[in-house]
Amino acid sequence: MEPVVEFIKAYLIPGSFPFLMMAATAAVFGLFLRNRWADWSRRGLAGLLMGYWVLSLPACASRLEASLARPYAPLEASQARDAGISTIVILGGGIETYRDGQQALFALSDSTALRVLEGARLYGLIGDPWVIASGGEEGDSLAENGGIPESQAMRQALVSLGVPAGRIKLESSSTNTRDEAVNVKAMLGENPSEPFVLVTSPTHMRRALASFRAVGLEPIPSVSAQQTNASGGGLRALLPTPDALTHSTIVLREYMALAYYGIRSWISSP
């Protein structure tokens, strides 16, 4: 099943460029077939264009994001103090790798950077909790690509933000949210019921919470900031932008991931 899942993630997410190219190619090919297929192909091309236009509107992207992000919010200072929190768990959202021959630089993706910032903010509010940076390899194995686990890049960023290295634990073997939930539970050891904060992006929090609850954990959610403000304002909210299309695609991918996790029984009702 994994090859099928990877193919869907790479090519069949509505709003993505690969999906656009594959759907448009199929529709154009259909134009050269018999009349009935040509008619359907013309309708398909029109629907594809209209769909991408709508997904590219900041107003649409904002509503889609809100449908997943509501009702989650960053944890406030009073809530953090009253909850008796001992651990902060930060879920990774990807890293960027830049190469020139044998040299390589690693940078946090936008979503990971914002999650790390939220984790560092919470560390300052709570006092001196443990911080678990969760995120393993992506794509090829580390031995093959000469990379580093996502969690290691997150630790470097956390230390630069004032979190002591001695208070940071790494979860470096996960490749998806389900893995993170299972591995973090094992790291919590004999105290899985102790209050801990789960930090991730607003649109990812629903699946993350459901995944952690499915393995018997009850984290306190605290979302990071949105990557950008996709809502715009006034007339600009009704004009298509690449940024809004990206945000819409992220949300659609997340809904597909929720459906997949449900099929695999990795979550119940999110």
C-alpha atoms as a PDB file:
ATOM      1  CA  MET A   1       0.000   0.000   0.000  1.00  0.00           C
ATOM      2  CA  GLU A   2       2.861   2.406   0.712  1.00  0.00           C
ATOM      3  CA  PRO A   3       3.872   2.859  -2.974  1.00  0.00           C
ATOM      4  CA  VAL A   4       0.256   3.724  -3.776  1.00  0.00           C
ATOM      5  CA  VAL A   5       0.124   6.224  -0.922  1.00  0.00           C
ATOM      6  CA  GLU A   6       3.376   7.851  -2.029  1.00  0.00           C
ATOM      7  CA  PHE A   7       2.055   8.115  -5.599  1.00  0.00           C
ATOM      8  CA  ILE A   8      -1.138   9.778  -4.389  1.00  0.00           C
ATOM      9  CA  LYS A   9       0.833  12.220  -2.227  1.00  0.00           C
ATOM     10  CA  ALA A  10       3.111  13.097  -5.135  1.00  0.00           C
ATOM     11  CA  TYR A  11       0.609  13.349  -7.995  1.00  0.00           C
ATOM     12  CA  LEU A  12      -3.035  13.226  -6.928  1.00  0.00           C
ATOM     13  CA  ILE A  13      -3.466  16.069  -4.445  1.00  0.00           C
ATOM     14  CA  PRO A  14      -5.983  18.563  -5.916  1.00  0.00           C
ATOM     15  CA  GLY A  15      -4.421  21.995  -6.194  1.00  0.00           C
ATOM     16  CA  SER A  16      -0.912  20.674  -6.788  1.00  0.00           C
ATOM     17  CA  PHE A  17       1.020  21.212 -10.022  1.00  0.00           C
ATOM     18  CA  PRO A  18       1.393  17.457 -10.771  1.00  0.00           C
ATOM     19  CA  PHE A  19      -2.376  16.964 -10.389  1.00  0.00           C
ATOM     20  CA  LEU A  20      -2.999  19.897 -12.739  1.00  0.00           C
ATOM     21  CA  MET A  21      -0.644  18.506 -15.382  1.00  0.00           C
ATOM     22  CA  MET A  22      -2.016  14.964 -15.186  1.00  0.00           C
ATOM     23  CA  ALA A  23      -5.664  16.060 -15.283  1.00  0.00           C
ATOM     24  CA  ALA A  24      -5.070  18.581 -18.076  1.00  0.00           C
ATOM     25  CA  THR A  25      -3.120  16.040 -20.144  1.00  0.00           C
ATOM     26  CA  ALA A  26      -5.910  13.485 -19.804  1.00  0.00           C
ATOM     27  CA  ALA A  27      -8.511  16.078 -20.779  1.00  0.00           C
ATOM     28  CA  VAL A  28      -6.540  17.289 -23.810  1.00  0.00           C
ATOM     29  CA  PHE A  29      -6.044  13.690 -24.943  1.00  0.00           C
ATOM     30  CA  GLY A  30      -9.800  13.200 -24.673  1.00  0.00           C
ATOM     31  CA  LEU A  31     -10.409  16.101 -27.059  1.00  0.00           C
ATOM     32  CA  PHE A  32      -9.047  13.977 -29.898  1.00  0.00           C
ATOM     33  CA  LEU A  33     -11.408  11.072 -29.238  1.00  0.00           C
ATOM     34  CA  ARG A  34     -14.986  10.660 -30.391  1.00  0.00           C
ATOM     35  CA  ASN A  35     -17.593  13.355 -29.844  1.00  0.00           C
ATOM     36  CA  ARG A  36     -18.923  12.151 -26.497  1.00  0.00           C
ATOM     37  CA  TRP A  37     -15.441  11.940 -24.995  1.00  0.00           C
ATOM     38  CA  ALA A  38     -14.508  15.287 -26.504  1.00  0.00           C
ATOM     39  CA  ASP A  39     -17.541  16.899 -24.876  1.00  0.00           C
ATOM     40  CA  TRP A  40     -16.641  15.458 -21.495  1.00  0.00           C
ATOM     41  CA  SER A  41     -13.031  16.534 -21.949  1.00  0.00           C
ATOM     42  CA  ARG A  42     -14.060  20.127 -22.663  1.00  0.00           C
ATOM     43  CA  ARG A  43     -16.196  20.122 -19.538  1.00  0.00           C
ATOM     44  CA  GLY A  44     -13.340  18.594 -17.576  1.00  0.00           C
ATOM     45  CA  LEU A  45     -10.911  21.284 -18.711  1.00  0.00           C
ATOM     46  CA  ALA A  46     -13.407  24.005 -17.822  1.00  0.00           C
ATOM     47  CA  GLY A  47     -14.023  22.438 -14.408  1.00  0.00           C
ATOM     48  CA  LEU A  48     -10.292  22.049 -13.802  1.00  0.00           C
ATOM     49  CA  LEU A  49      -9.640  25.702 -14.608  1.00  0.00           C
ATOM     50  CA  MET A  50     -12.549  26.850 -12.450  1.00  0.00           C
ATOM     51  CA  GLY A  51     -11.460  24.615  -9.570  1.00  0.00           C
ATOM     52  CA  TYR A  52      -7.912  25.931  -9.583  1.00  0.00           C
ATOM     53  CA  TRP A  53      -9.192  29.499  -9.840  1.00  0.00           C
ATOM     54  CA  VAL A  54     -11.338  29.017  -6.724  1.00  0.00           C
ATOM     55  CA  LEU A  55      -8.548  27.281  -4.788  1.00  0.00           C
ATOM     56  CA  SER A  56      -6.239  30.190  -5.673  1.00  0.00           C
ATOM     57  CA  LEU A  57      -8.503  32.756  -4.010  1.00  0.00           C
ATOM     58  CA  PRO A  58      -7.285  33.955  -0.582  1.00  0.00           C
ATOM     59  CA  ALA A  59     -10.896  33.943   0.624  1.00  0.00           C
ATOM     60  CA  CYS A  60     -11.191  30.242  -0.259  1.00  0.00           C
ATOM     61  CA  ALA A  61      -7.828  29.335   1.288  1.00  0.00           C
ATOM     62  CA  SER A  62      -8.729  31.152   4.491  1.00  0.00           C
ATOM     63  CA  ARG A  63     -12.050  29.310   4.817  1.00  0.00           C
ATOM     64  CA  LEU A  64     -10.433  25.956   4.123  1.00  0.00           C
ATOM     65  CA  GLU A  65      -7.761  26.582   6.761  1.00  0.00           C
ATOM     66  CA  ALA A  66     -10.363  27.667   9.293  1.00  0.00           C
ATOM     67  CA  SER A  67     -12.323  24.453   8.721  1.00  0.00           C
ATOM     68  CA  LEU A  68      -9.357  22.457  10.067  1.00  0.00           C
ATOM     69  CA  ALA A  69      -7.784  24.915  12.486  1.00  0.00           C
ATOM     70  CA  ARG A  70     -10.885  25.758  14.521  1.00  0.00           C
ATOM     71  CA  PRO A  71     -11.014  25.669  17.605  1.00  0.00           C
ATOM     72  CA  TYR A  72      -7.285  25.291  18.311  1.00  0.00           C
ATOM     73  CA  ALA A  73      -5.177  28.190  19.583  1.00  0.00           C
ATOM     74  CA  PRO A  74      -1.776  28.852  21.166  1.00  0.00           C
ATOM     75  CA  LEU A  75      -1.669  28.002  24.859  1.00  0.00           C
ATOM     76  CA  GLU A  76      -1.886  31.068  27.096  1.00  0.00           C
ATOM     77  CA  ALA A  77       0.400  31.756  30.046  1.00  0.00           C
ATOM     78  CA  SER A  78      -2.265  31.102  32.687  1.00  0.00           C
ATOM     79  CA  GLN A  79      -3.266  27.810  31.050  1.00  0.00           C
ATOM     80  CA  ALA A  80       0.356  26.691  30.851  1.00  0.00           C
ATOM     81  CA  ARG A  81       0.990  27.386  34.535  1.00  0.00           C
ATOM     82  CA  ASP A  82      -2.231  25.784  35.784  1.00  0.00           C
ATOM     83  CA  ALA A  83      -1.877  22.556  33.786  1.00  0.00           C
ATOM     84  CA  GLY A  84       1.259  21.306  35.546  1.00  0.00           C
ATOM     85  CA  ILE A  85       2.990  20.590  32.254  1.00  0.00           C
ATOM     86  CA  SER A  86       6.246  18.646  32.372  1.00  0.00           C
ATOM     87  CA  THR A  87       6.935  18.105  28.659  1.00  0.00           C
ATOM     88  CA  ILE A  88       6.531  19.923  25.357  1.00  0.00           C
ATOM     89  CA  VAL A  89       6.308  17.793  22.203  1.00  0.00           C
ATOM     90  CA  ILE A  90       7.046  19.587  18.928  1.00  0.00           C
ATOM     91  CA  LEU A  91       6.157  17.768  15.711  1.00  0.00           C
ATOM     92  CA  GLY A  92       8.327  18.445  12.693  1.00  0.00           C
ATOM     93  CA  GLY A  93       6.942  19.672   9.395  1.00  0.00           C
ATOM     94  CA  GLY A  94       9.892  19.083   7.071  1.00  0.00           C
ATOM     95  CA  ILE A  95      13.376  20.425   6.429  1.00  0.00           C
ATOM     96  CA  GLU A  96      14.993  21.866   3.312  1.00  0.00           C
ATOM     97  CA  THR A  97      18.325  20.518   2.052  1.00  0.00           C
ATOM     98  CA  TYR A  98      20.700  22.576  -0.105  1.00  0.00           C
ATOM     99  CA  ARG A  99      23.618  20.795  -1.785  1.00  0.00           C
ATOM    100  CA  ASP A 100      26.744  21.673  -3.714  1.00  0.00           C
ATOM    101  CA  GLY A 101      28.795  18.574  -4.377  1.00  0.00           C
ATOM    102  CA  GLN A 102      29.697  17.007  -1.043  1.00  0.00           C
ATOM    103  CA  GLN A 103      28.573  20.055   0.944  1.00  0.00           C
ATOM    104  CA  ALA A 104      25.085  20.438   2.343  1.00  0.00           C
ATOM    105  CA  LEU A 105      23.104  22.921   4.396  1.00  0.00           C
ATOM    106  CA  PHE A 106      19.881  22.125   6.227  1.00  0.00           C
ATOM    107  CA  ALA A 107      17.112  24.595   7.014  1.00  0.00           C
ATOM    108  CA  LEU A 108      13.740  24.233   8.681  1.00  0.00           C
ATOM    109  CA  SER A 109      10.689  24.477   6.466  1.00  0.00           C
ATOM    110  CA  ASP A 110       8.301  27.344   7.156  1.00  0.00           C
ATOM    111  CA  SER A 111       5.900  25.145   9.114  1.00  0.00           C
ATOM    112  CA  THR A 112       8.666  23.529  11.189  1.00  0.00           C
ATOM    113  CA  ALA A 113      10.225  26.904  11.969  1.00  0.00           C
ATOM    114  CA  LEU A 114       6.920  28.259  13.268  1.00  0.00           C
ATOM    115  CA  ARG A 115       6.367  25.132  15.374  1.00  0.00           C
ATOM    116  CA  VAL A 116       9.832  25.501  16.893  1.00  0.00           C
ATOM    117  CA  LEU A 117       9.127  29.155  17.681  1.00  0.00           C
ATOM    118  CA  GLU A 118       5.933  28.145  19.476  1.00  0.00           C
ATOM    119  CA  GLY A 119       7.799  25.442  21.396  1.00  0.00           C
ATOM    120  CA  ALA A 120      10.442  27.926  22.498  1.00  0.00           C
ATOM    121  CA  ARG A 121       7.728  30.372  23.588  1.00  0.00           C
ATOM    122  CA  LEU A 122       6.075  27.681  25.681  1.00  0.00           C
ATOM    123  CA  TYR A 123       9.398  26.699  27.230  1.00  0.00           C
ATOM    124  CA  GLY A 124       9.771  30.255  28.508  1.00  0.00           C
ATOM    125  CA  LEU A 125       6.214  30.275  29.865  1.00  0.00           C
ATOM    126  CA  ILE A 126       6.330  26.930  31.633  1.00  0.00           C
ATOM    127  CA  GLY A 127       9.757  27.195  33.198  1.00  0.00           C
ATOM    128  CA  ASP A 128      12.069  24.255  32.632  1.00  0.00           C
ATOM    129  CA  PRO A 129      10.114  21.402  31.004  1.00  0.00           C
ATOM    130  CA  TRP A 130      11.496  18.664  28.829  1.00  0.00           C
ATOM    131  CA  VAL A 131      11.201  19.363  25.100  1.00  0.00           C
ATOM    132  CA  ILE A 132      10.803  16.473  22.654  1.00  0.00           C
ATOM    133  CA  ALA A 133      11.689  17.402  19.072  1.00  0.00           C
ATOM    134  CA  SER A 134      10.013  14.809  16.863  1.00  0.00           C
ATOM    135  CA  GLY A 135      10.849  14.148  13.231  1.00  0.00           C
ATOM    136  CA  GLY A 136      12.880  11.558  11.375  1.00  0.00           C
ATOM    137  CA  GLU A 137      14.213  11.168   7.880  1.00  0.00           C
ATOM    138  CA  GLU A 138      12.363  11.980   4.685  1.00  0.00           C
ATOM    139  CA  GLY A 139      12.773  10.335   1.321  1.00  0.00           C
ATOM    140  CA  ASP A 140      16.029   8.419   0.927  1.00  0.00           C
ATOM    141  CA  SER A 141      17.780   6.997   3.949  1.00  0.00           C
ATOM    142  CA  LEU A 142      20.145   9.230   5.869  1.00  0.00           C
ATOM    143  CA  ALA A 143      23.089   7.066   4.902  1.00  0.00           C
ATOM    144  CA  GLU A 144      22.288   7.554   1.221  1.00  0.00           C
ATOM    145  CA  ASN A 145      21.556  11.265   1.179  1.00  0.00           C
ATOM    146  CA  GLY A 146      24.036  12.389   3.811  1.00  0.00           C
ATOM    147  CA  GLY A 147      21.303  14.277   5.621  1.00  0.00           C
ATOM    148  CA  ILE A 148      20.322  14.723   9.227  1.00  0.00           C
ATOM    149  CA  PRO A 149      17.109  13.806  11.028  1.00  0.00           C
ATOM    150  CA  GLU A 150      14.560  16.576  11.163  1.00  0.00           C
ATOM    151  CA  SER A 151      14.672  16.471  14.955  1.00  0.00           C
ATOM    152  CA  GLN A 152      18.370  17.354  14.952  1.00  0.00           C
ATOM    153  CA  ALA A 153      17.766  20.475  12.876  1.00  0.00           C
ATOM    154  CA  MET A 154      14.936  21.373  15.247  1.00  0.00           C
ATOM    155  CA  ARG A 155      17.237  20.998  18.253  1.00  0.00           C
ATOM    156  CA  GLN A 156      19.758  23.385  16.713  1.00  0.00           C
ATOM    157  CA  ALA A 157      17.016  25.960  16.213  1.00  0.00           C
ATOM    158  CA  LEU A 158      15.657  25.480  19.743  1.00  0.00           C
ATOM    159  CA  VAL A 159      19.104  26.001  21.257  1.00  0.00           C
ATOM    160  CA  SER A 160      19.512  29.204  19.238  1.00  0.00           C
ATOM    161  CA  LEU A 161      16.215  30.384  20.771  1.00  0.00           C
ATOM    162  CA  GLY A 162      17.451  29.838  24.318  1.00  0.00           C
ATOM    163  CA  VAL A 163      16.271  26.310  25.121  1.00  0.00           C
ATOM    164  CA  PRO A 164      19.102  24.427  26.901  1.00  0.00           C
ATOM    165  CA  ALA A 165      20.404  21.490  24.873  1.00  0.00           C
ATOM    166  CA  GLY A 166      20.264  19.338  28.004  1.00  0.00           C
ATOM    167  CA  ARG A 167      16.476  19.750  28.172  1.00  0.00           C
ATOM    168  CA  ILE A 168      15.872  18.586  24.590  1.00  0.00           C
ATOM    169  CA  LYS A 169      15.167  14.969  23.673  1.00  0.00           C
ATOM    170  CA  LEU A 170      15.128  13.764  20.074  1.00  0.00           C
ATOM    171  CA  GLU A 171      12.659  11.409  18.411  1.00  0.00           C
ATOM    172  CA  SER A 172      14.399  10.711  15.115  1.00  0.00           C
ATOM    173  CA  SER A 173      12.886   7.540  13.661  1.00  0.00           C
ATOM    174  CA  SER A 174       9.355   8.604  12.693  1.00  0.00           C
ATOM    175  CA  THR A 175       8.266   9.173   9.109  1.00  0.00           C
ATOM    176  CA  ASN A 176       4.644  10.200   9.705  1.00  0.00           C
ATOM    177  CA  THR A 177       2.296  11.472  12.397  1.00  0.00           C
ATOM    178  CA  ARG A 178       1.264   7.967  13.425  1.00  0.00           C
ATOM    179  CA  ASP A 179       4.914   7.032  14.038  1.00  0.00           C
ATOM    180  CA  GLU A 180       5.402  10.181  16.085  1.00  0.00           C
ATOM    181  CA  ALA A 181       2.497   9.316  18.373  1.00  0.00           C
ATOM    182  CA  VAL A 182       3.741   5.764  18.947  1.00  0.00           C
ATOM    183  CA  ASN A 183       7.367   6.807  19.481  1.00  0.00           C
ATOM    184  CA  VAL A 184       6.564   9.720  21.784  1.00  0.00           C
ATOM    185  CA  LYS A 185       4.410   7.449  23.949  1.00  0.00           C
ATOM    186  CA  ALA A 186       7.400   5.130  24.340  1.00  0.00           C
ATOM    187  CA  MET A 187       9.628   8.091  25.264  1.00  0.00           C
ATOM    188  CA  LEU A 188       7.203   9.219  27.958  1.00  0.00           C
ATOM    189  CA  GLY A 189       7.829   5.847  29.599  1.00  0.00           C
ATOM    190  CA  GLU A 190       6.087   5.235  32.896  1.00  0.00           C
ATOM    191  CA  ASN A 191       4.418   8.647  32.968  1.00  0.00           C
ATOM    192  CA  PRO A 192       2.229   8.807  29.841  1.00  0.00           C
ATOM    193  CA  SER A 193      -0.614  10.343  31.836  1.00  0.00           C
ATOM    194  CA  GLU A 194       1.407  13.388  32.927  1.00  0.00           C
ATOM    195  CA  PRO A 195       0.225  16.582  31.201  1.00  0.00           C
ATOM    196  CA  PHE A 196       2.209  17.529  28.115  1.00  0.00           C
ATOM    197  CA  VAL A 197       1.757  20.062  25.345  1.00  0.00           C
ATOM    198  CA  LEU A 198       1.552  19.064  21.696  1.00  0.00           C
ATOM    199  CA  VAL A 199       2.795  21.698  19.247  1.00  0.00           C
ATOM    200  CA  THR A 200       2.082  21.606  15.527  1.00  0.00           C
ATOM    201  CA  SER A 201       0.545  23.733  12.775  1.00  0.00           C
ATOM    202  CA  PRO A 202      -3.135  24.733  13.019  1.00  0.00           C
ATOM    203  CA  THR A 203      -4.198  22.660  10.008  1.00  0.00           C
ATOM    204  CA  HIS A 204      -2.264  19.600  11.244  1.00  0.00           C
ATOM    205  CA  MET A 205      -3.477  19.674  14.850  1.00  0.00           C
ATOM    206  CA  ARG A 206      -6.712  17.738  14.272  1.00  0.00           C
ATOM    207  CA  ARG A 207      -4.908  14.707  12.826  1.00  0.00           C
ATOM    208  CA  ALA A 208      -2.069  14.986  15.335  1.00  0.00           C
ATOM    209  CA  LEU A 209      -4.428  15.065  18.330  1.00  0.00           C
ATOM    210  CA  ALA A 210      -6.461  12.150  16.969  1.00  0.00           C
ATOM    211  CA  SER A 211      -3.282  10.132  16.390  1.00  0.00           C
ATOM    212  CA  PHE A 212      -1.986  10.714  19.915  1.00  0.00           C
ATOM    213  CA  ARG A 213      -5.367   9.950  21.468  1.00  0.00           C
ATOM    214  CA  ALA A 214      -5.560   6.727  19.469  1.00  0.00           C
ATOM    215  CA  VAL A 215      -2.452   5.436  21.292  1.00  0.00           C
ATOM    216  CA  GLY A 216      -3.833   6.418  24.700  1.00  0.00           C
ATOM    217  CA  LEU A 217      -2.342   9.880  25.186  1.00  0.00           C
ATOM    218  CA  GLU A 218      -4.203  13.100  26.030  1.00  0.00           C
ATOM    219  CA  PRO A 219      -2.005  16.022  24.993  1.00  0.00           C
ATOM    220  CA  ILE A 220      -2.836  19.680  25.496  1.00  0.00           C
ATOM    221  CA  PRO A 221      -2.864  21.336  22.050  1.00  0.00           C
ATOM    222  CA  SER A 222      -0.971  24.542  21.313  1.00  0.00           C
ATOM    223  CA  VAL A 223      -0.808  25.574  17.669  1.00  0.00           C
ATOM    224  CA  SER A 224       1.904  27.570  15.967  1.00  0.00           C
ATOM    225  CA  ALA A 225       1.211  30.640  13.885  1.00  0.00           C
ATOM    226  CA  GLN A 226      -0.096  30.251  10.343  1.00  0.00           C
ATOM    227  CA  GLN A 227       2.642  30.288   7.709  1.00  0.00           C
ATOM    228  CA  THR A 228       1.191  33.419   6.091  1.00  0.00           C
ATOM    229  CA  ASN A 229      -2.010  35.375   6.157  1.00  0.00           C
ATOM    230  CA  ALA A 230      -3.807  33.913   3.165  1.00  0.00           C
ATOM    231  CA  SER A 231      -7.030  35.806   3.767  1.00  0.00           C
ATOM    232  CA  GLY A 232      -5.963  39.119   2.276  1.00  0.00           C
ATOM    233  CA  GLY A 233      -8.558  41.847   2.496  1.00  0.00           C
ATOM    234  CA  GLY A 234     -11.230  43.512   0.409  1.00  0.00           C
ATOM    235  CA  LEU A 235     -11.000  42.870  -3.314  1.00  0.00           C
ATOM    236  CA  ARG A 236      -7.613  41.161  -2.908  1.00  0.00           C
ATOM    237  CA  ALA A 237      -9.336  38.229  -1.211  1.00  0.00           C
ATOM    238  CA  LEU A 238     -11.143  37.551  -4.506  1.00  0.00           C
ATOM    239  CA  LEU A 239      -8.055  37.645  -6.733  1.00  0.00           C
ATOM    240  CA  PRO A 240      -6.048  34.434  -7.261  1.00  0.00           C
ATOM    241  CA  THR A 241      -2.541  34.151  -5.806  1.00  0.00           C
ATOM    242  CA  PRO A 242       0.060  31.336  -5.793  1.00  0.00           C
ATOM    243  CA  ASP A 243       0.294  31.544  -2.001  1.00  0.00           C
ATOM    244  CA  ALA A 244      -3.436  30.951  -1.578  1.00  0.00           C
ATOM    245  CA  LEU A 245      -3.285  27.956  -3.931  1.00  0.00           C
ATOM    246  CA  THR A 246      -0.457  26.483  -1.850  1.00  0.00           C
ATOM    247  CA  HIS A 247      -2.468  26.884   1.347  1.00  0.00           C
ATOM    248  CA  SER A 248      -5.578  25.357  -0.217  1.00  0.00           C
ATOM    249  CA  THR A 249      -3.533  22.393  -1.430  1.00  0.00           C
ATOM    250  CA  ILE A 250      -2.086  21.841   2.054  1.00  0.00           C
ATOM    251  CA  VAL A 251      -5.591  21.704   3.527  1.00  0.00           C
ATOM    252  CA  LEU A 252      -6.876  19.298   0.863  1.00  0.00           C
ATOM    253  CA  ARG A 253      -3.855  17.078   1.440  1.00  0.00           C
ATOM    254  CA  GLU A 254      -4.622  17.114   5.158  1.00  0.00           C
ATOM    255  CA  TYR A 255      -8.234  16.058   4.595  1.00  0.00           C
ATOM    256  CA  MET A 256      -7.005  13.195   2.420  1.00  0.00           C
ATOM    257  CA  ALA A 257      -4.565  12.216   5.177  1.00  0.00           C
ATOM    258  CA  LEU A 258      -7.397  12.217   7.723  1.00  0.00           C
ATOM    259  CA  ALA A 259      -9.384   9.885   5.478  1.00  0.00           C
ATOM    260  CA  TYR A 260      -6.377   7.594   5.035  1.00  0.00           C
ATOM    261  CA  TYR A 261      -5.698   7.473   8.781  1.00  0.00           C
ATOM    262  CA  GLY A 262      -9.343   6.580   9.335  1.00  0.00           C
ATOM    263  CA  ILE A 263      -9.167   3.770   6.771  1.00  0.00           C
ATOM    264  CA  ARG A 264      -6.045   2.408   8.472  1.00  0.00           C
ATOM    265  CA  SER A 265      -7.794   2.674  11.881  1.00  0.00           C
ATOM    266  CA  TRP A 266      -4.965   4.903  13.114  1.00  0.00           C
ATOM    267  CA  ILE A 267      -7.553   7.386  14.346  1.00  0.00           C
ATOM    268  CA  SER A 268     -11.216   7.238  15.259  1.00  0.00           C
ATOM    269  CA  SER A 269     -13.346  10.346  14.836  1.00  0.00           C
ATOM    270  CA  PRO A 270     -10.896  13.291  14.609  1.00  0.00           C
END
